[in-house]
């Protein structure tokens, strides 16, 4: 009988500590790397991905109405095989073709048919889905261009 009580007491003590440790681990968000000085950078809303927009030909050659996206997960690893959805608001009514996403490997995705030279204030939402993990990074233009961050490491939630 003592053995049963001892076993129950042990379970009651261990299970809450295990649950707390799991919550603490899942609540910790990663550190993300911004690679280029002239790129735009955001950590997604839930801190699951980072998105770096390559849109300037100073550090890389992309092309007209084409941008590059570098996507990393919360371990700062390249995200390959993700589904990337591009949504603009207000909608790009002048564009005949919708944006086309092509994966290039090593976390690089090329987005074609995206007019970045729009007038006025507009929003670019980048939705990333990798298996069951899904998150969104939103850039507000033209403000995003003025808020460029230096290359380096950034933590989710930091105001660096």
N, C-alpha and C. Protein backbone atom coordinates (compact mmCIF):
# COMPACT_ATOMS: atom_id res chain seq x y z
N UNK A 1 0.81 -1.19 0.00
CA UNK A 1 0.00 0.00 0.00
C UNK A 1 0.87 1.27 0.00
N UNK A 2 1.98 1.23 0.78
CA UNK A 2 2.89 2.37 0.81
C UNK A 2 3.46 2.64 -0.59
N UNK A 3 3.70 1.58 -1.32
CA UNK A 3 4.26 1.71 -2.67
C UNK A 3 3.29 2.46 -3.58
N UNK A 4 2.01 2.16 -3.48
CA UNK A 4 1.01 2.82 -4.33
C UNK A 4 0.95 4.30 -3.98
N UNK A 5 0.90 4.64 -2.70
CA UNK A 5 0.88 6.04 -2.29
C UNK A 5 2.15 6.78 -2.73
N UNK A 6 3.26 6.11 -2.61
CA UNK A 6 4.53 6.71 -3.02
C UNK A 6 4.54 6.97 -4.53
N UNK A 7 4.01 6.01 -5.29
CA UNK A 7 3.95 6.16 -6.75
C UNK A 7 3.02 7.32 -7.12
N UNK A 8 1.86 7.42 -6.46
CA UNK A 8 0.92 8.51 -6.74
C UNK A 8 1.54 9.87 -6.39
N UNK A 9 2.18 9.95 -5.26
CA UNK A 9 2.82 11.18 -4.83
C UNK A 9 3.91 11.60 -5.82
N UNK A 10 4.70 10.63 -6.27
CA UNK A 10 5.76 10.92 -7.24
C UNK A 10 5.17 11.46 -8.54
N UNK A 11 4.09 10.84 -9.03
CA UNK A 11 3.44 11.31 -10.27
C UNK A 11 2.90 12.73 -10.10
N UNK A 12 2.29 13.00 -8.95
CA UNK A 12 1.73 14.33 -8.69
C UNK A 12 2.82 15.40 -8.65
N UNK A 13 4.00 15.04 -8.22
CA UNK A 13 5.10 16.00 -8.15
C UNK A 13 5.80 16.17 -9.49
N UNK A 14 5.95 15.11 -10.26
CA UNK A 14 6.72 15.15 -11.51
C UNK A 14 5.92 15.78 -12.64
N UNK A 15 4.66 15.43 -12.81
CA UNK A 15 3.87 15.88 -13.95
C UNK A 15 3.79 17.40 -14.03
N UNK A 16 3.51 18.14 -12.94
CA UNK A 16 3.47 19.61 -13.07
C UNK A 16 4.82 20.21 -13.49
N UNK A 17 5.93 19.67 -12.98
CA UNK A 17 7.24 20.19 -13.38
C UNK A 17 7.50 19.92 -14.85
N UNK A 18 7.12 18.77 -15.34
CA UNK A 18 7.29 18.44 -16.76
C UNK A 18 6.46 19.37 -17.63
N UNK A 19 5.22 19.63 -17.24
CA UNK A 19 4.35 20.52 -18.01
C UNK A 19 4.92 21.94 -18.03
N UNK A 20 5.40 22.43 -16.87
CA UNK A 20 5.99 23.76 -16.83
C UNK A 20 7.23 23.86 -17.70
N UNK A 21 8.05 22.84 -17.70
CA UNK A 21 9.26 22.83 -18.54
C UNK A 21 8.88 22.86 -20.01
N UNK A 22 7.84 22.13 -20.40
CA UNK A 22 7.39 22.12 -21.80
C UNK A 22 6.88 23.50 -22.20
N UNK A 23 6.07 24.15 -21.34
CA UNK A 23 5.55 25.47 -21.64
C UNK A 23 6.67 26.49 -21.76
N UNK A 24 7.65 26.41 -20.89
CA UNK A 24 8.78 27.34 -20.94
C UNK A 24 9.56 27.16 -22.23
N UNK A 25 9.74 25.92 -22.66
CA UNK A 25 10.47 25.66 -23.90
C UNK A 25 9.68 26.18 -25.11
N UNK A 26 8.37 25.92 -25.17
CA UNK A 26 7.59 26.34 -26.32
C UNK A 26 7.37 27.85 -26.34
N UNK A 27 7.45 28.51 -25.18
CA UNK A 27 7.25 29.95 -25.12
C UNK A 27 8.51 30.71 -25.58
N UNK A 28 9.67 30.07 -25.57
CA UNK A 28 10.90 30.72 -25.98
C UNK A 28 10.92 30.87 -27.50
N UNK A 29 11.14 32.07 -27.96
CA UNK A 29 11.20 32.33 -29.39
C UNK A 29 12.65 32.47 -29.82
N UNK A 30 12.89 32.26 -31.10
CA UNK A 30 14.24 32.20 -31.61
C UNK A 30 14.90 33.54 -31.87
N UNK A 31 16.14 33.44 -32.30
CA UNK A 31 16.94 34.56 -32.75
C UNK A 31 17.09 34.39 -34.25
N UNK A 32 16.87 35.47 -34.99
CA UNK A 32 16.86 35.41 -36.44
C UNK A 32 17.96 36.30 -37.02
N UNK A 33 18.48 35.91 -38.18
CA UNK A 33 19.56 36.65 -38.83
C UNK A 33 19.05 37.42 -40.03
N UNK A 34 19.37 38.72 -40.07
CA UNK A 34 19.15 39.55 -41.25
C UNK A 34 20.50 39.60 -41.96
N UNK A 35 20.52 39.20 -43.23
CA UNK A 35 21.78 39.03 -43.95
C UNK A 35 22.27 40.28 -44.67
N UNK A 36 21.36 41.06 -45.25
CA UNK A 36 21.75 42.17 -46.12
C UNK A 36 21.35 43.51 -45.51
N UNK A 37 22.19 44.53 -45.67
CA UNK A 37 21.89 45.86 -45.15
C UNK A 37 20.73 46.53 -45.88
N UNK A 38 20.63 46.36 -47.18
CA UNK A 38 19.62 47.07 -47.97
C UNK A 38 18.29 46.32 -48.06
N UNK A 39 18.18 45.18 -47.43
CA UNK A 39 16.94 44.40 -47.49
C UNK A 39 15.95 44.87 -46.43
N UNK A 40 14.72 44.41 -46.53
CA UNK A 40 13.69 44.65 -45.52
C UNK A 40 13.58 43.39 -44.69
N UNK A 41 13.27 43.52 -43.40
CA UNK A 41 13.31 42.37 -42.51
C UNK A 41 12.16 42.44 -41.50
N UNK A 42 11.51 41.30 -41.29
CA UNK A 42 10.46 41.18 -40.26
C UNK A 42 10.52 39.80 -39.66
N UNK A 43 10.21 39.75 -38.36
CA UNK A 43 9.94 38.47 -37.71
C UNK A 43 8.43 38.34 -37.72
N UNK A 44 7.94 37.17 -38.05
CA UNK A 44 6.50 36.96 -38.20
C UNK A 44 5.75 37.21 -36.89
N UNK A 45 4.44 37.36 -36.99
CA UNK A 45 3.59 37.76 -35.87
C UNK A 45 3.73 36.87 -34.64
N UNK A 46 3.88 35.56 -34.84
CA UNK A 46 4.00 34.62 -33.72
C UNK A 46 5.45 34.25 -33.42
N UNK A 47 6.40 34.82 -34.16
CA UNK A 47 7.81 34.53 -33.93
C UNK A 47 8.25 33.18 -34.45
N UNK A 48 7.52 32.63 -35.43
CA UNK A 48 7.85 31.30 -35.95
C UNK A 48 8.78 31.34 -37.16
N UNK A 49 8.80 32.48 -37.86
CA UNK A 49 9.62 32.64 -39.06
C UNK A 49 10.19 34.06 -39.10
N UNK A 50 11.24 34.23 -39.88
CA UNK A 50 11.68 35.57 -40.26
C UNK A 50 11.64 35.64 -41.78
N UNK A 51 11.39 36.85 -42.27
CA UNK A 51 11.32 37.08 -43.72
C UNK A 51 12.23 38.26 -44.04
N UNK A 52 13.10 38.05 -44.98
CA UNK A 52 13.98 39.12 -45.47
C UNK A 52 13.65 39.33 -46.93
N UNK A 53 13.27 40.57 -47.28
CA UNK A 53 12.90 40.90 -48.66
C UNK A 53 14.09 41.51 -49.37
N UNK A 54 14.49 40.88 -50.47
CA UNK A 54 15.56 41.37 -51.34
C UNK A 54 14.87 42.08 -52.51
N UNK A 55 14.98 43.40 -52.55
CA UNK A 55 14.27 44.14 -53.60
C UNK A 55 15.12 45.20 -54.26
N UNK A 56 16.37 45.24 -53.93
CA UNK A 56 17.25 46.30 -54.35
C UNK A 56 18.45 45.66 -55.05
N UNK A 57 18.91 46.24 -56.11
CA UNK A 57 20.00 45.63 -56.86
C UNK A 57 21.39 46.05 -56.38
N UNK A 58 21.49 46.71 -55.23
CA UNK A 58 22.80 47.10 -54.72
C UNK A 58 23.60 45.90 -54.24
N UNK A 59 22.94 44.97 -53.56
CA UNK A 59 23.65 43.83 -52.99
C UNK A 59 23.37 42.51 -53.71
N UNK A 60 22.41 42.49 -54.61
CA UNK A 60 22.02 41.27 -55.32
C UNK A 60 21.24 41.69 -56.56
N UNK A 61 21.15 40.85 -57.54
CA UNK A 61 20.45 41.19 -58.78
C UNK A 61 19.18 40.35 -58.85
N UNK A 62 18.04 40.99 -58.80
CA UNK A 62 16.76 40.28 -58.82
C UNK A 62 16.04 40.53 -60.14
N UNK A 63 15.57 41.75 -60.39
CA UNK A 63 14.88 42.06 -61.63
C UNK A 63 13.67 42.95 -61.40
N UNK A 64 13.01 43.37 -62.48
CA UNK A 64 11.86 44.27 -62.40
C UNK A 64 10.61 43.50 -61.97
N UNK A 65 9.87 44.09 -61.03
CA UNK A 65 8.65 43.49 -60.47
C UNK A 65 8.89 42.10 -59.91
N UNK A 66 10.11 41.88 -59.42
CA UNK A 66 10.48 40.60 -58.82
C UNK A 66 11.20 40.90 -57.51
N UNK A 67 10.86 40.16 -56.47
CA UNK A 67 11.59 40.27 -55.21
C UNK A 67 12.05 38.88 -54.79
N UNK A 68 13.02 38.85 -53.92
CA UNK A 68 13.46 37.60 -53.33
C UNK A 68 13.07 37.60 -51.86
N UNK A 69 12.73 36.45 -51.33
CA UNK A 69 12.43 36.28 -49.91
C UNK A 69 13.37 35.24 -49.34
N UNK A 70 14.02 35.58 -48.24
CA UNK A 70 14.79 34.59 -47.49
C UNK A 70 13.95 34.29 -46.26
N UNK A 71 13.61 33.02 -46.07
CA UNK A 71 12.74 32.62 -44.96
C UNK A 71 13.51 31.67 -44.04
N UNK A 72 13.50 32.01 -42.73
CA UNK A 72 14.13 31.17 -41.71
C UNK A 72 13.09 30.78 -40.67
N UNK A 73 13.31 29.64 -40.03
CA UNK A 73 12.42 29.22 -38.94
C UNK A 73 12.95 29.74 -37.61
N UNK A 74 12.29 29.36 -36.51
CA UNK A 74 12.68 29.90 -35.20
C UNK A 74 13.97 29.31 -34.65
N UNK A 75 14.63 28.46 -35.44
CA UNK A 75 15.98 27.99 -35.10
C UNK A 75 17.01 28.65 -36.02
N UNK A 76 16.56 29.66 -36.78
CA UNK A 76 17.38 30.40 -37.75
C UNK A 76 17.89 29.51 -38.88
N UNK A 77 17.12 28.47 -39.19
CA UNK A 77 17.47 27.56 -40.28
C UNK A 77 16.65 27.93 -41.52
N UNK A 78 17.22 27.65 -42.70
CA UNK A 78 16.51 27.88 -43.95
C UNK A 78 15.21 27.09 -43.97
N UNK A 79 14.15 27.72 -44.45
CA UNK A 79 12.85 27.04 -44.59
C UNK A 79 12.71 26.64 -46.05
N UNK A 80 12.69 25.34 -46.28
CA UNK A 80 12.51 24.81 -47.62
C UNK A 80 11.19 24.05 -47.68
N UNK A 81 10.56 24.06 -48.85
CA UNK A 81 9.32 23.32 -49.04
C UNK A 81 8.10 23.96 -48.40
N UNK A 82 8.17 25.26 -48.14
CA UNK A 82 7.03 25.96 -47.54
C UNK A 82 6.08 26.43 -48.63
N UNK A 83 4.85 26.68 -48.21
CA UNK A 83 3.88 27.32 -49.09
C UNK A 83 3.88 28.80 -48.71
N UNK A 84 4.18 29.65 -49.70
CA UNK A 84 4.25 31.10 -49.49
C UNK A 84 3.07 31.72 -50.24
N UNK A 85 2.26 32.50 -49.53
CA UNK A 85 1.13 33.19 -50.14
C UNK A 85 1.35 34.69 -49.98
N UNK A 86 1.18 35.43 -51.06
CA UNK A 86 1.38 36.87 -51.07
C UNK A 86 0.02 37.56 -51.19
N UNK A 87 -0.26 38.46 -50.25
CA UNK A 87 -1.51 39.22 -50.26
C UNK A 87 -1.15 40.69 -50.13
N UNK A 88 -1.72 41.53 -51.01
CA UNK A 88 -1.50 42.97 -50.91
C UNK A 88 -2.82 43.65 -50.59
N UNK A 89 -2.73 44.75 -49.88
CA UNK A 89 -3.93 45.49 -49.52
C UNK A 89 -3.61 46.98 -49.59
N UNK A 90 -4.35 47.81 -50.26
CA UNK A 90 -5.44 47.39 -51.11
C UNK A 90 -4.94 46.54 -52.27
N UNK A 91 -5.83 45.75 -52.84
CA UNK A 91 -5.43 44.81 -53.91
C UNK A 91 -4.76 45.52 -55.07
N UNK A 92 -3.85 44.83 -55.69
CA UNK A 92 -3.15 45.38 -56.85
C UNK A 92 -4.04 45.23 -58.08
N UNK A 93 -4.98 46.16 -58.23
CA UNK A 93 -5.93 46.06 -59.33
C UNK A 93 -5.26 46.23 -60.70
N UNK A 94 -4.17 46.99 -60.76
CA UNK A 94 -3.52 47.25 -62.03
C UNK A 94 -2.72 46.05 -62.54
N UNK A 95 -2.45 45.08 -61.67
CA UNK A 95 -1.65 43.93 -62.07
C UNK A 95 -2.55 42.90 -62.75
N UNK A 96 -2.17 42.52 -63.95
CA UNK A 96 -2.96 41.54 -64.70
C UNK A 96 -2.72 40.14 -64.16
N UNK A 97 -1.48 39.85 -63.80
CA UNK A 97 -1.12 38.52 -63.31
C UNK A 97 -0.93 38.55 -61.80
N UNK A 98 -1.38 37.51 -61.10
CA UNK A 98 -1.12 37.46 -59.65
C UNK A 98 0.35 37.14 -59.38
N UNK A 99 0.85 37.45 -58.18
CA UNK A 99 2.23 37.11 -57.86
C UNK A 99 2.47 35.60 -57.98
N UNK A 100 3.65 35.25 -58.49
CA UNK A 100 4.04 33.86 -58.67
C UNK A 100 5.23 33.57 -57.77
N UNK A 101 5.13 32.52 -56.95
CA UNK A 101 6.19 32.15 -56.02
C UNK A 101 6.96 30.96 -56.56
N UNK A 102 8.29 31.07 -56.62
CA UNK A 102 9.15 29.97 -57.06
C UNK A 102 10.23 29.75 -56.00
N UNK A 103 10.33 28.52 -55.53
CA UNK A 103 11.36 28.20 -54.55
C UNK A 103 12.68 27.96 -55.27
N UNK A 104 13.76 28.55 -54.75
CA UNK A 104 15.09 28.40 -55.33
C UNK A 104 16.01 27.53 -54.48
N UNK A 105 15.60 27.22 -53.24
CA UNK A 105 16.42 26.41 -52.35
C UNK A 105 17.14 27.27 -51.32
N UNK A 106 17.61 26.63 -50.26
CA UNK A 106 18.34 27.30 -49.18
C UNK A 106 17.53 28.44 -48.55
N UNK A 107 16.20 28.30 -48.50
CA UNK A 107 15.34 29.30 -47.88
C UNK A 107 15.03 30.50 -48.76
N UNK A 108 15.44 30.47 -50.04
CA UNK A 108 15.19 31.58 -50.96
C UNK A 108 13.99 31.27 -51.84
N UNK A 109 13.07 32.23 -51.89
CA UNK A 109 11.89 32.15 -52.75
C UNK A 109 11.87 33.42 -53.61
N UNK A 110 11.53 33.27 -54.89
CA UNK A 110 11.44 34.40 -55.81
C UNK A 110 9.96 34.67 -56.07
N UNK A 111 9.56 35.94 -55.93
CA UNK A 111 8.18 36.35 -56.16
C UNK A 111 8.17 37.24 -57.40
N UNK A 112 7.50 36.78 -58.45
CA UNK A 112 7.40 37.54 -59.70
C UNK A 112 6.01 38.19 -59.79
N UNK A 113 5.89 39.19 -60.65
CA UNK A 113 4.64 39.91 -60.89
C UNK A 113 4.19 40.71 -59.67
N UNK A 114 5.13 41.27 -58.94
CA UNK A 114 4.78 42.05 -57.75
C UNK A 114 5.30 43.47 -57.91
N UNK A 115 4.40 44.41 -58.11
CA UNK A 115 4.77 45.80 -58.30
C UNK A 115 5.06 46.44 -56.95
N UNK A 116 6.32 46.68 -56.65
CA UNK A 116 6.72 47.28 -55.39
C UNK A 116 6.74 48.81 -55.48
N UNK A 117 6.53 49.37 -56.65
CA UNK A 117 6.60 50.82 -56.86
C UNK A 117 5.21 51.47 -56.81
N UNK A 118 4.33 50.94 -56.02
CA UNK A 118 2.97 51.48 -55.92
C UNK A 118 2.97 52.80 -55.17
N UNK A 119 2.03 53.64 -55.50
CA UNK A 119 1.90 54.94 -54.84
C UNK A 119 1.01 54.80 -53.61
N UNK A 120 1.24 55.68 -52.63
CA UNK A 120 0.41 55.69 -51.43
C UNK A 120 0.80 54.59 -50.47
N UNK A 121 0.03 54.49 -49.39
CA UNK A 121 0.29 53.49 -48.37
C UNK A 121 -0.38 52.17 -48.75
N UNK A 122 0.36 51.09 -48.61
CA UNK A 122 -0.19 49.76 -48.92
C UNK A 122 0.52 48.71 -48.08
N UNK A 123 -0.08 47.53 -48.03
CA UNK A 123 0.38 46.46 -47.15
C UNK A 123 0.75 45.23 -47.97
N UNK A 124 1.87 44.61 -47.60
CA UNK A 124 2.31 43.36 -48.19
C UNK A 124 2.32 42.31 -47.08
N UNK A 125 1.42 41.33 -47.17
CA UNK A 125 1.37 40.24 -46.19
C UNK A 125 1.96 38.99 -46.83
N UNK A 126 2.90 38.40 -46.12
CA UNK A 126 3.55 37.19 -46.58
C UNK A 126 3.17 36.08 -45.61
N UNK A 127 2.37 35.15 -46.11
CA UNK A 127 1.92 34.03 -45.28
C UNK A 127 2.81 32.83 -45.58
N UNK A 128 3.33 32.23 -44.51
CA UNK A 128 4.25 31.11 -44.64
C UNK A 128 3.63 29.91 -43.95
N UNK A 129 3.62 28.78 -44.66
CA UNK A 129 3.12 27.54 -44.06
C UNK A 129 4.10 26.43 -44.37
N UNK A 130 4.60 25.80 -43.32
CA UNK A 130 5.52 24.67 -43.44
C UNK A 130 4.95 23.55 -42.58
N UNK A 131 4.49 22.50 -43.22
CA UNK A 131 3.78 21.42 -42.54
C UNK A 131 2.59 22.02 -41.80
N UNK A 132 2.54 21.87 -40.48
CA UNK A 132 1.41 22.42 -39.72
C UNK A 132 1.74 23.76 -39.06
N UNK A 133 2.91 24.30 -39.33
CA UNK A 133 3.34 25.57 -38.75
C UNK A 133 3.01 26.68 -39.74
N UNK A 134 2.28 27.69 -39.25
CA UNK A 134 1.81 28.76 -40.12
C UNK A 134 1.93 30.10 -39.41
N UNK A 135 2.40 31.13 -40.13
CA UNK A 135 2.54 32.46 -39.55
C UNK A 135 2.59 33.48 -40.69
N UNK A 136 2.48 34.76 -40.33
CA UNK A 136 2.42 35.84 -41.31
C UNK A 136 3.35 36.97 -40.91
N UNK A 137 4.03 37.53 -41.89
CA UNK A 137 4.83 38.74 -41.71
C UNK A 137 4.20 39.83 -42.58
N UNK A 138 3.98 41.01 -42.00
CA UNK A 138 3.32 42.11 -42.71
C UNK A 138 4.25 43.31 -42.80
N UNK A 139 4.39 43.83 -44.00
CA UNK A 139 5.19 45.02 -44.27
C UNK A 139 4.24 46.12 -44.74
N UNK A 140 4.34 47.32 -44.16
CA UNK A 140 3.54 48.46 -44.58
C UNK A 140 4.45 49.39 -45.39
N UNK A 141 4.05 49.67 -46.62
CA UNK A 141 4.85 50.53 -47.50
C UNK A 141 4.20 51.89 -47.61
N UNK A 142 4.96 52.94 -47.78
CA UNK A 142 6.40 53.00 -47.95
C UNK A 142 7.18 53.02 -46.63
N UNK A 143 6.50 52.99 -45.49
CA UNK A 143 7.19 53.07 -44.18
C UNK A 143 8.26 51.99 -44.02
N UNK A 144 8.02 50.78 -44.53
CA UNK A 144 8.98 49.68 -44.37
C UNK A 144 10.34 50.02 -44.97
N UNK A 145 10.34 50.82 -46.02
CA UNK A 145 11.60 51.18 -46.67
C UNK A 145 12.40 52.13 -45.78
N UNK A 146 11.70 53.00 -45.05
CA UNK A 146 12.37 53.96 -44.18
C UNK A 146 12.84 53.31 -42.87
N UNK A 147 12.30 52.16 -42.51
CA UNK A 147 12.61 51.50 -41.24
C UNK A 147 13.60 50.35 -41.40
N UNK A 148 14.44 50.40 -42.40
CA UNK A 148 15.40 49.32 -42.62
C UNK A 148 16.30 49.14 -41.41
N UNK A 149 16.52 47.89 -41.07
CA UNK A 149 17.38 47.53 -39.95
C UNK A 149 18.73 47.09 -40.50
N UNK A 150 19.77 47.26 -39.72
CA UNK A 150 21.10 46.81 -40.13
C UNK A 150 21.15 45.29 -40.14
N UNK A 151 22.06 44.73 -40.90
CA UNK A 151 22.21 43.28 -40.87
C UNK A 151 22.66 42.87 -39.47
N UNK A 152 22.30 41.64 -39.08
CA UNK A 152 22.67 41.18 -37.75
C UNK A 152 21.64 40.22 -37.19
N UNK A 153 21.70 40.00 -35.88
CA UNK A 153 20.81 39.05 -35.19
C UNK A 153 19.70 39.83 -34.47
N UNK A 154 18.48 39.31 -34.55
CA UNK A 154 17.32 39.93 -33.90
C UNK A 154 16.47 38.87 -33.21
N UNK A 155 15.99 39.22 -32.01
CA UNK A 155 15.12 38.32 -31.26
C UNK A 155 13.67 38.72 -31.45
N UNK A 156 12.78 37.73 -31.39
CA UNK A 156 11.36 37.98 -31.45
C UNK A 156 10.97 38.89 -30.29
N UNK A 157 10.25 39.95 -30.58
CA UNK A 157 9.78 40.87 -29.55
C UNK A 157 10.74 41.96 -29.17
N UNK A 158 11.99 41.91 -29.66
CA UNK A 158 12.94 42.96 -29.32
C UNK A 158 12.73 44.18 -30.20
N UNK A 159 13.07 45.33 -29.70
CA UNK A 159 12.93 46.60 -30.44
C UNK A 159 14.29 47.13 -30.84
N UNK A 160 15.19 46.25 -31.22
CA UNK A 160 16.58 46.58 -31.55
C UNK A 160 16.67 47.45 -32.78
